[in-house]
C-alpha atoms as a PDB file:
ATOM      1  CA  UNK A   1      -9.047   8.535 -17.825  1.00  0.00           C
ATOM      2  CA  UNK A   2     -11.695   6.688 -20.375  1.00  0.00           C
ATOM      3  CA  UNK A   3     -12.653   2.940 -19.905  1.00  0.00           C
ATOM      4  CA  UNK A   4     -11.566   2.455 -15.943  1.00  0.00           C
ATOM      5  CA  UNK A   5     -11.726   0.049 -13.497  1.00  0.00           C
ATOM      6  CA  UNK A   6     -11.235  -0.499  -9.807  1.00  0.00           C
ATOM      7  CA  UNK A   7      -8.071  -2.368  -9.093  1.00  0.00           C
ATOM      8  CA  UNK A   8      -8.196  -2.118  -5.323  1.00  0.00           C
ATOM      9  CA  UNK A   9     -10.547  -1.105  -2.990  1.00  0.00           C
ATOM     10  CA  UNK A  10      -9.314  -0.244   0.761  1.00  0.00           C
ATOM     11  CA  UNK A  11      -9.154   2.291   3.388  1.00  0.00           C
ATOM     12  CA  UNK A  12      -5.376   2.300   4.085  1.00  0.00           C
ATOM     13  CA  UNK A  13      -4.274   5.497   2.016  1.00  0.00           C
ATOM     14  CA  UNK A  14      -0.097   5.259   2.790  1.00  0.00           C
ATOM     15  CA  UNK A  15      -0.573   1.421   1.510  1.00  0.00           C
ATOM     16  CA  UNK A  16      -2.801   3.031  -1.499  1.00  0.00           C
ATOM     17  CA  UNK A  17       0.041   5.690  -2.507  1.00  0.00           C
ATOM     18  CA  UNK A  18       2.505   2.829  -2.180  1.00  0.00           C
ATOM     19  CA  UNK A  19       0.707   0.525  -5.011  1.00  0.00           C
ATOM     20  CA  UNK A  20       0.138   3.869  -6.713  1.00  0.00           C
ATOM     21  CA  UNK A  21       3.726   4.578  -6.874  1.00  0.00           C
ATOM     22  CA  UNK A  22       4.750   1.246  -8.408  1.00  0.00           C
ATOM     23  CA  UNK A  23       2.262   1.060 -11.022  1.00  0.00           C
ATOM     24  CA  UNK A  24       3.005   4.315 -12.034  1.00  0.00           C
ATOM     25  CA  UNK A  25       6.915   3.615 -12.287  1.00  0.00           C
ATOM     26  CA  UNK A  26       5.690   0.956 -14.387  1.00  0.00           C
ATOM     27  CA  UNK A  27       3.936   2.897 -16.998  1.00  0.00           C
ATOM     28  CA  UNK A  28       0.307   2.128 -15.361  1.00  0.00           C
ATOM     29  CA  UNK A  29      -1.893   5.168 -15.451  1.00  0.00           C
ATOM     30  CA  UNK A  30      -3.555   5.285 -12.621  1.00  0.00           C
ATOM     31  CA  UNK A  31      -5.913   7.320 -10.278  1.00  0.00           C
ATOM     32  CA  UNK A  32      -7.126   7.449  -6.555  1.00  0.00           C
ATOM     33  CA  UNK A  33     -10.757   8.375  -5.814  1.00  0.00           C
ATOM     34  CA  UNK A  34     -12.070   8.694  -1.804  1.00  0.00           C
ATOM     35  CA  UNK A  35      -8.693  10.148  -0.310  1.00  0.00           C
ATOM     36  CA  UNK A  36     -10.237  13.604   0.552  1.00  0.00           C
ATOM     37  CA  UNK A  37     -13.590  11.508   2.447  1.00  0.00           C
ATOM     38  CA  UNK A  38     -10.904   9.565   4.832  1.00  0.00           C
ATOM     39  CA  UNK A  39     -10.500  13.285   6.565  1.00  0.00           C
ATOM     40  CA  UNK A  40     -14.655  12.650   7.314  1.00  0.00           C
ATOM     41  CA  UNK A  41     -13.354   9.573   9.885  1.00  0.00           C
ATOM     42  CA  UNK A  42     -15.803   9.389  12.505  1.00  0.00           C
ATOM     43  CA  UNK A  43     -18.136  11.759  10.310  1.00  0.00           C
ATOM     44  CA  UNK A  44     -18.886   9.832   7.495  1.00  0.00           C
ATOM     45  CA  UNK A  45     -20.159   5.730   7.124  1.00  0.00           C
ATOM     46  CA  UNK A  46     -17.703   3.403   7.011  1.00  0.00           C
ATOM     47  CA  UNK A  47     -18.332   2.397   3.173  1.00  0.00           C
ATOM     48  CA  UNK A  48     -17.495   5.828   2.278  1.00  0.00           C
ATOM     49  CA  UNK A  49     -14.291   5.931   4.296  1.00  0.00           C
ATOM     50  CA  UNK A  50     -12.344   3.867   1.481  1.00  0.00           C
ATOM     51  CA  UNK A  51      -9.752   4.691  -1.392  1.00  0.00           C
ATOM     52  CA  UNK A  52     -10.039   3.393  -4.520  1.00  0.00           C
ATOM     53  CA  UNK A  53      -7.446   2.916  -6.890  1.00  0.00           C
ATOM     54  CA  UNK A  54      -8.754   2.920 -10.542  1.00  0.00           C
ATOM     55  CA  UNK A  55      -6.557   1.755 -13.700  1.00  0.00           C
ATOM     56  CA  UNK A  56      -7.330   1.666 -17.587  1.00  0.00           C
ATOM     57  CA  UNK A  57      -9.023  -1.348 -18.422  1.00  0.00           C
ATOM     58  CA  UNK A  58      -6.483  -2.177 -21.167  1.00  0.00           C
ATOM     59  CA  UNK A  59      -3.965  -1.938 -18.408  1.00  0.00           C
ATOM     60  CA  UNK A  60      -5.945  -3.650 -15.575  1.00  0.00           C
ATOM     61  CA  UNK A  61      -4.366  -7.411 -16.041  1.00  0.00           C
ATOM     62  CA  UNK A  62      -0.850  -6.247 -16.244  1.00  0.00           C
ATOM     63  CA  UNK A  63      -1.667  -3.692 -13.028  1.00  0.00           C
ATOM     64  CA  UNK A  64      -2.740  -6.776 -11.094  1.00  0.00           C
ATOM     65  CA  UNK A  65      -0.174  -9.729 -12.367  1.00  0.00           C
ATOM     66  CA  UNK A  66       2.531  -6.542 -11.019  1.00  0.00           C
ATOM     67  CA  UNK A  67       1.002  -6.665  -7.582  1.00  0.00           C
ATOM     68  CA  UNK A  68       0.678 -10.072  -7.242  1.00  0.00           C
ATOM     69  CA  UNK A  69       4.159 -10.518  -8.077  1.00  0.00           C
ATOM     70  CA  UNK A  70       5.304  -7.617  -5.274  1.00  0.00           C
ATOM     71  CA  UNK A  71       2.739  -9.344  -2.903  1.00  0.00           C
ATOM     72  CA  UNK A  72       5.504 -11.391  -0.515  1.00  0.00           C
ATOM     73  CA  UNK A  73       5.128 -11.815   2.925  1.00  0.00           C
ATOM     74  CA  UNK A  74       8.625 -10.944   4.606  1.00  0.00           C
ATOM     75  CA  UNK A  75       9.347 -12.651   7.621  1.00  0.00           C
ATOM     76  CA  UNK A  76       9.215 -10.853  11.167  1.00  0.00           C
ATOM     77  CA  UNK A  77      12.407  -9.057  12.484  1.00  0.00           C
ATOM     78  CA  UNK A  78      13.638  -8.475  15.996  1.00  0.00           C
ATOM     79  CA  UNK A  79      14.896  -4.850  16.703  1.00  0.00           C
ATOM     80  CA  UNK A  80      18.580  -5.632  17.907  1.00  0.00           C
ATOM     81  CA  UNK A  81      18.645  -1.969  19.544  1.00  0.00           C
ATOM     82  CA  UNK A  82      14.867  -2.257  21.519  1.00  0.00           C
ATOM     83  CA  UNK A  83      14.089  -5.860  20.585  1.00  0.00           C
ATOM     84  CA  UNK A  84      10.811  -4.844  19.409  1.00  0.00           C
ATOM     85  CA  UNK A  85       9.062  -7.729  17.278  1.00  0.00           C
ATOM     86  CA  UNK A  86       8.790  -5.650  13.461  1.00  0.00           C
ATOM     87  CA  UNK A  87       6.772  -6.429  10.490  1.00  0.00           C
ATOM     88  CA  UNK A  88       8.859  -7.642   7.429  1.00  0.00           C
ATOM     89  CA  UNK A  89       7.915  -4.632   5.430  1.00  0.00           C
ATOM     90  CA  UNK A  90       9.391  -1.935   8.239  1.00  0.00           C
ATOM     91  CA  UNK A  91      13.058  -0.873   7.032  1.00  0.00           C
ATOM     92  CA  UNK A  92      13.578   0.769  10.430  1.00  0.00           C
ATOM     93  CA  UNK A  93      11.710  -0.105  13.959  1.00  0.00           C
ATOM     94  CA  UNK A  94       8.399   1.249  14.501  1.00  0.00           C
ATOM     95  CA  UNK A  95       9.756   1.571  18.236  1.00  0.00           C
ATOM     96  CA  UNK A  96      13.073   3.165  17.958  1.00  0.00           C
ATOM     97  CA  UNK A  97      13.564   3.979  14.829  1.00  0.00           C
ATOM     98  CA  UNK A  98      16.826   1.758  14.313  1.00  0.00           C
ATOM     99  CA  UNK A  99      17.525   0.559  11.233  1.00  0.00           C
ATOM    100  CA  UNK A 100      17.059  -3.275  10.517  1.00  0.00           C
ATOM    101  CA  UNK A 101      20.220  -5.421  10.328  1.00  0.00           C
ATOM    102  CA  UNK A 102      21.160  -8.116   8.411  1.00  0.00           C
ATOM    103  CA  UNK A 103      21.164 -10.195  11.599  1.00  0.00           C
ATOM    104  CA  UNK A 104      18.018  -9.851  12.412  1.00  0.00           C
ATOM    105  CA  UNK A 105      15.766 -12.819  12.090  1.00  0.00           C
END
């Protein structure tokens, strides 16, 4: 991937792979770097424990726009089964794995 630029830097591997999948399904070439270093948590300095998302320079603006358009805050919801509060992005309750119901608020 020549002429690539860092799109995002962060330590959340799950989020990085989610963003990577979103970008790739929209035709943007993506490379993750640093994910192998996350196995060294506690052994390596914190500044080395990040995952970088790289894209081609000519796709950088398209990638930024795409991620910004998907950065909507979803309201929290309460599980009807166990009454636990969940982040809006969760489809299943983190406590009991019950699916989010349309009647949640």
